[in-house]
Amino acid sequence: MKTLHRILHVEDDTDILEITKLSLETVGGYEVQQYSSGVQAVDHAETMSTDLFLLDMMMPEINGIETLKKLRCSAHLKSIPVIFMTAKNLSGLDLKSDLGALVLGVIEKPFSTMGLPGLIEDMWVNHQTSAVS
């Protein structure tokens, strides 16, 4: 089973960027690379080394889904799993059928700062377990 070490986080809200970085690095022990827009993440895609994308759904310029599609154009990022974050109610939207099995889930905002690393780890382990079976 592959271990989760590096997370690429894209979020346009600076407060959420700071809280998420603090939570994931301090509580979760992850290495976190952050961008404040999907455009920035895509522009730096060739230099990224990451295990997981953590993408805000609603951002200016390009949203989380469009960011993911653009990141997937890079051969070495094509198979990176993604978790989306959103304050929007997504009931009725099936991201896995639209974007594939590499969508691990959705985290709703507001989220528990202390609980965020565990939530991500649970989604990661569930994905790794289902990928093996």
C-alpha atoms as a PDB file:
ATOM      1  CA  MET A   1       0.000   0.000   0.000  1.00  0.00           C
ATOM      2  CA  LYS A   2       1.380   3.409  -0.988  1.00  0.00           C
ATOM      3  CA  THR A   3       1.906   5.854   1.889  1.00  0.00           C
ATOM      4  CA  LEU A   4       0.639   9.418   1.718  1.00  0.00           C
ATOM      5  CA  HIS A   5       3.471  11.937   2.227  1.00  0.00           C
ATOM      6  CA  ARG A   6       3.002  14.965  -0.056  1.00  0.00           C
ATOM      7  CA  ILE A   7      -0.213  16.893  -0.647  1.00  0.00           C
ATOM      8  CA  LEU A   8      -0.739  19.596  -3.247  1.00  0.00           C
ATOM      9  CA  HIS A   9      -3.389  21.989  -1.920  1.00  0.00           C
ATOM     10  CA  VAL A  10      -5.118  24.636  -4.056  1.00  0.00           C
ATOM     11  CA  GLU A  11      -7.385  27.151  -2.312  1.00  0.00           C
ATOM     12  CA  ASP A  12      -8.207  30.805  -3.045  1.00  0.00           C
ATOM     13  CA  ASP A  13      -9.049  31.757   0.568  1.00  0.00           C
ATOM     14  CA  THR A  14      -5.829  32.712   2.395  1.00  0.00           C
ATOM     15  CA  ASP A  15      -7.267  31.890   5.839  1.00  0.00           C
ATOM     16  CA  ILE A  16      -8.187  28.374   4.717  1.00  0.00           C
ATOM     17  CA  LEU A  17      -4.732  27.990   3.118  1.00  0.00           C
ATOM     18  CA  GLU A  18      -3.063  28.810   6.447  1.00  0.00           C
ATOM     19  CA  ILE A  19      -5.368  26.652   8.573  1.00  0.00           C
ATOM     20  CA  THR A  20      -5.081  23.697   6.216  1.00  0.00           C
ATOM     21  CA  LYS A  21      -1.284  23.902   6.031  1.00  0.00           C
ATOM     22  CA  LEU A  22      -1.007  24.113   9.821  1.00  0.00           C
ATOM     23  CA  SER A  23      -3.382  21.194  10.283  1.00  0.00           C
ATOM     24  CA  LEU A  24      -1.855  18.907   7.666  1.00  0.00           C
ATOM     25  CA  GLU A  25       1.780  19.608   8.557  1.00  0.00           C
ATOM     26  CA  THR A  26       1.541  19.888  12.354  1.00  0.00           C
ATOM     27  CA  VAL A  27      -1.193  17.363  13.132  1.00  0.00           C
ATOM     28  CA  GLY A  28      -0.906  15.100  10.092  1.00  0.00           C
ATOM     29  CA  GLY A  29       2.839  15.221   9.509  1.00  0.00           C
ATOM     30  CA  TYR A  30       2.388  15.721   5.754  1.00  0.00           C
ATOM     31  CA  GLU A  31       4.487  17.834   3.425  1.00  0.00           C
ATOM     32  CA  VAL A  32       2.116  20.413   1.887  1.00  0.00           C
ATOM     33  CA  GLN A  33       2.666  22.464  -1.246  1.00  0.00           C
ATOM     34  CA  GLN A  34       0.083  25.219  -1.718  1.00  0.00           C
ATOM     35  CA  TYR A  35      -1.167  27.479  -4.476  1.00  0.00           C
ATOM     36  CA  SER A  36      -3.829  30.177  -4.231  1.00  0.00           C
ATOM     37  CA  SER A  37      -5.274  29.462  -7.690  1.00  0.00           C
ATOM     38  CA  GLY A  38      -5.732  26.633 -10.116  1.00  0.00           C
ATOM     39  CA  VAL A  39      -3.790  28.624 -12.705  1.00  0.00           C
ATOM     40  CA  GLN A  40      -0.744  28.776 -10.395  1.00  0.00           C
ATOM     41  CA  ALA A  41      -0.930  25.032  -9.730  1.00  0.00           C
ATOM     42  CA  VAL A  42      -1.159  24.221 -13.435  1.00  0.00           C
ATOM     43  CA  ASP A  43       1.710  26.619 -14.235  1.00  0.00           C
ATOM     44  CA  HIS A  44       3.952  24.756 -11.778  1.00  0.00           C
ATOM     45  CA  ALA A  45       2.670  21.256 -12.586  1.00  0.00           C
ATOM     46  CA  GLU A  46       5.857  20.046 -14.236  1.00  0.00           C
ATOM     47  CA  THR A  47       7.889  20.712 -11.078  1.00  0.00           C
ATOM     48  CA  MET A  48       5.455  19.013  -8.687  1.00  0.00           C
ATOM     49  CA  SER A  49       6.042  15.830  -6.789  1.00  0.00           C
ATOM     50  CA  THR A  50       2.849  14.907  -4.974  1.00  0.00           C
ATOM     51  CA  ASP A  51       0.806  11.943  -3.786  1.00  0.00           C
ATOM     52  CA  LEU A  52      -2.576  13.690  -3.537  1.00  0.00           C
ATOM     53  CA  PHE A  53      -4.369  16.745  -4.895  1.00  0.00           C
ATOM     54  CA  LEU A  54      -6.560  18.636  -2.394  1.00  0.00           C
ATOM     55  CA  LEU A  55      -8.553  21.093  -4.502  1.00  0.00           C
ATOM     56  CA  ASP A  56     -11.089  23.772  -3.658  1.00  0.00           C
ATOM     57  CA  MET A  57     -14.139  23.360  -5.907  1.00  0.00           C
ATOM     58  CA  MET A  58     -15.064  27.016  -6.315  1.00  0.00           C
ATOM     59  CA  MET A  59     -12.236  29.359  -7.303  1.00  0.00           C
ATOM     60  CA  PRO A  60     -11.963  32.328  -9.646  1.00  0.00           C
ATOM     61  CA  GLU A  61     -10.377  31.867 -13.082  1.00  0.00           C
ATOM     62  CA  ILE A  62     -10.632  28.067 -13.153  1.00  0.00           C
ATOM     63  CA  ASN A  63     -12.542  25.943 -10.637  1.00  0.00           C
ATOM     64  CA  GLY A  64     -11.327  22.763  -8.972  1.00  0.00           C
ATOM     65  CA  ILE A  65     -12.688  20.422 -11.632  1.00  0.00           C
ATOM     66  CA  GLU A  66     -11.077  22.417 -14.460  1.00  0.00           C
ATOM     67  CA  THR A  67      -7.835  22.588 -12.459  1.00  0.00           C
ATOM     68  CA  LEU A  68      -7.856  18.811 -12.107  1.00  0.00           C
ATOM     69  CA  LYS A  69      -8.479  18.324 -15.823  1.00  0.00           C
ATOM     70  CA  LYS A  70      -5.545  20.603 -16.667  1.00  0.00           C
ATOM     71  CA  LEU A  71      -3.259  18.913 -14.120  1.00  0.00           C
ATOM     72  CA  ARG A  72      -4.179  15.534 -15.616  1.00  0.00           C
ATOM     73  CA  CYS A  73      -2.705  16.680 -18.952  1.00  0.00           C
ATOM     74  CA  SER A  74       0.756  16.173 -17.443  1.00  0.00           C
ATOM     75  CA  ALA A  75       1.816  12.531 -17.838  1.00  0.00           C
ATOM     76  CA  HIS A  76       3.329  12.233 -14.346  1.00  0.00           C
ATOM     77  CA  LEU A  77       0.227  13.755 -12.685  1.00  0.00           C
ATOM     78  CA  LYS A  78      -2.350  11.695 -14.592  1.00  0.00           C
ATOM     79  CA  SER A  79      -2.774   9.061 -11.882  1.00  0.00           C
ATOM     80  CA  ILE A  80      -2.689  11.285  -8.768  1.00  0.00           C
ATOM     81  CA  PRO A  81      -5.829  10.873  -6.607  1.00  0.00           C
ATOM     82  CA  VAL A  82      -7.863  13.954  -5.661  1.00  0.00           C
ATOM     83  CA  ILE A  83     -10.020  15.115  -2.774  1.00  0.00           C
ATOM     84  CA  PHE A  84     -12.195  18.169  -3.324  1.00  0.00           C
ATOM     85  CA  MET A  85     -13.083  20.753  -0.676  1.00  0.00           C
ATOM     86  CA  THR A  86     -16.210  22.866  -0.900  1.00  0.00           C
ATOM     87  CA  ALA A  87     -18.750  24.893   1.010  1.00  0.00           C
ATOM     88  CA  LYS A  88     -21.323  24.087  -1.674  1.00  0.00           C
ATOM     89  CA  ASN A  89     -23.883  21.314  -1.242  1.00  0.00           C
ATOM     90  CA  LEU A  90     -22.952  18.666  -3.796  1.00  0.00           C
ATOM     91  CA  SER A  91     -25.816  16.249  -3.216  1.00  0.00           C
ATOM     92  CA  GLY A  92     -26.826  14.660  -6.477  1.00  0.00           C
ATOM     93  CA  LEU A  93     -23.421  15.256  -8.067  1.00  0.00           C
ATOM     94  CA  ASP A  94     -21.419  12.075  -8.675  1.00  0.00           C
ATOM     95  CA  LEU A  95     -17.831  13.224  -9.128  1.00  0.00           C
ATOM     96  CA  LYS A  96     -16.492   9.669  -9.380  1.00  0.00           C
ATOM     97  CA  SER A  97     -18.638   8.886 -12.411  1.00  0.00           C
ATOM     98  CA  ASP A  98     -17.769  12.236 -14.005  1.00  0.00           C
ATOM     99  CA  LEU A  99     -14.041  12.327 -13.190  1.00  0.00           C
ATOM    100  CA  GLY A 100     -13.083   8.719 -12.519  1.00  0.00           C
ATOM    101  CA  ALA A 101     -12.125   6.448  -9.663  1.00  0.00           C
ATOM    102  CA  LEU A 102      -9.245   8.698  -8.599  1.00  0.00           C
ATOM    103  CA  VAL A 103     -11.739  11.017  -6.870  1.00  0.00           C
ATOM    104  CA  LEU A 104     -11.424   9.904  -3.252  1.00  0.00           C
ATOM    105  CA  GLY A 105     -14.155  12.137  -1.880  1.00  0.00           C
ATOM    106  CA  VAL A 106     -15.318  15.604  -0.890  1.00  0.00           C
ATOM    107  CA  ILE A 107     -14.606  17.467   2.340  1.00  0.00           C
ATOM    108  CA  GLU A 108     -17.224  20.025   3.274  1.00  0.00           C
ATOM    109  CA  LYS A 109     -16.281  23.438   4.624  1.00  0.00           C
ATOM    110  CA  PRO A 110     -16.189  24.365   7.371  1.00  0.00           C
ATOM    111  CA  PHE A 111     -14.136  21.366   8.474  1.00  0.00           C
ATOM    112  CA  SER A 112     -12.524  20.367  11.749  1.00  0.00           C
ATOM    113  CA  THR A 113      -8.935  21.619  11.729  1.00  0.00           C
ATOM    114  CA  MET A 114      -7.812  18.858  14.076  1.00  0.00           C
ATOM    115  CA  GLY A 115      -9.862  16.212  12.268  1.00  0.00           C
ATOM    116  CA  LEU A 116      -8.782  17.101   8.713  1.00  0.00           C
ATOM    117  CA  PRO A 117      -5.666  14.898   8.563  1.00  0.00           C
ATOM    118  CA  GLY A 118      -7.632  11.885   9.817  1.00  0.00           C
ATOM    119  CA  LEU A 119     -10.395  12.493   7.300  1.00  0.00           C
ATOM    120  CA  ILE A 120      -7.890  12.639   4.447  1.00  0.00           C
ATOM    121  CA  GLU A 121      -6.053   9.573   5.751  1.00  0.00           C
ATOM    122  CA  ASP A 122      -9.335   7.610   5.907  1.00  0.00           C
ATOM    123  CA  MET A 123     -10.159   8.505   2.293  1.00  0.00           C
ATOM    124  CA  TRP A 124      -6.599   7.615   1.250  1.00  0.00           C
ATOM    125  CA  VAL A 125      -6.645   4.219   3.012  1.00  0.00           C
ATOM    126  CA  ASN A 126     -10.104   3.373   1.629  1.00  0.00           C
ATOM    127  CA  HIS A 127      -8.849   4.171  -1.879  1.00  0.00           C
ATOM    128  CA  GLN A 128      -5.650   2.144  -1.439  1.00  0.00           C
ATOM    129  CA  THR A 129      -7.622  -0.811  -0.059  1.00  0.00           C
ATOM    130  CA  SER A 130     -10.149  -0.766  -2.906  1.00  0.00           C
ATOM    131  CA  ALA A 131      -7.362  -0.397  -5.495  1.00  0.00           C
ATOM    132  CA  VAL A 132      -5.682  -3.570  -4.184  1.00  0.00           C
ATOM    133  CA  SER A 133      -8.841  -5.715  -4.079  1.00  0.00           C
END
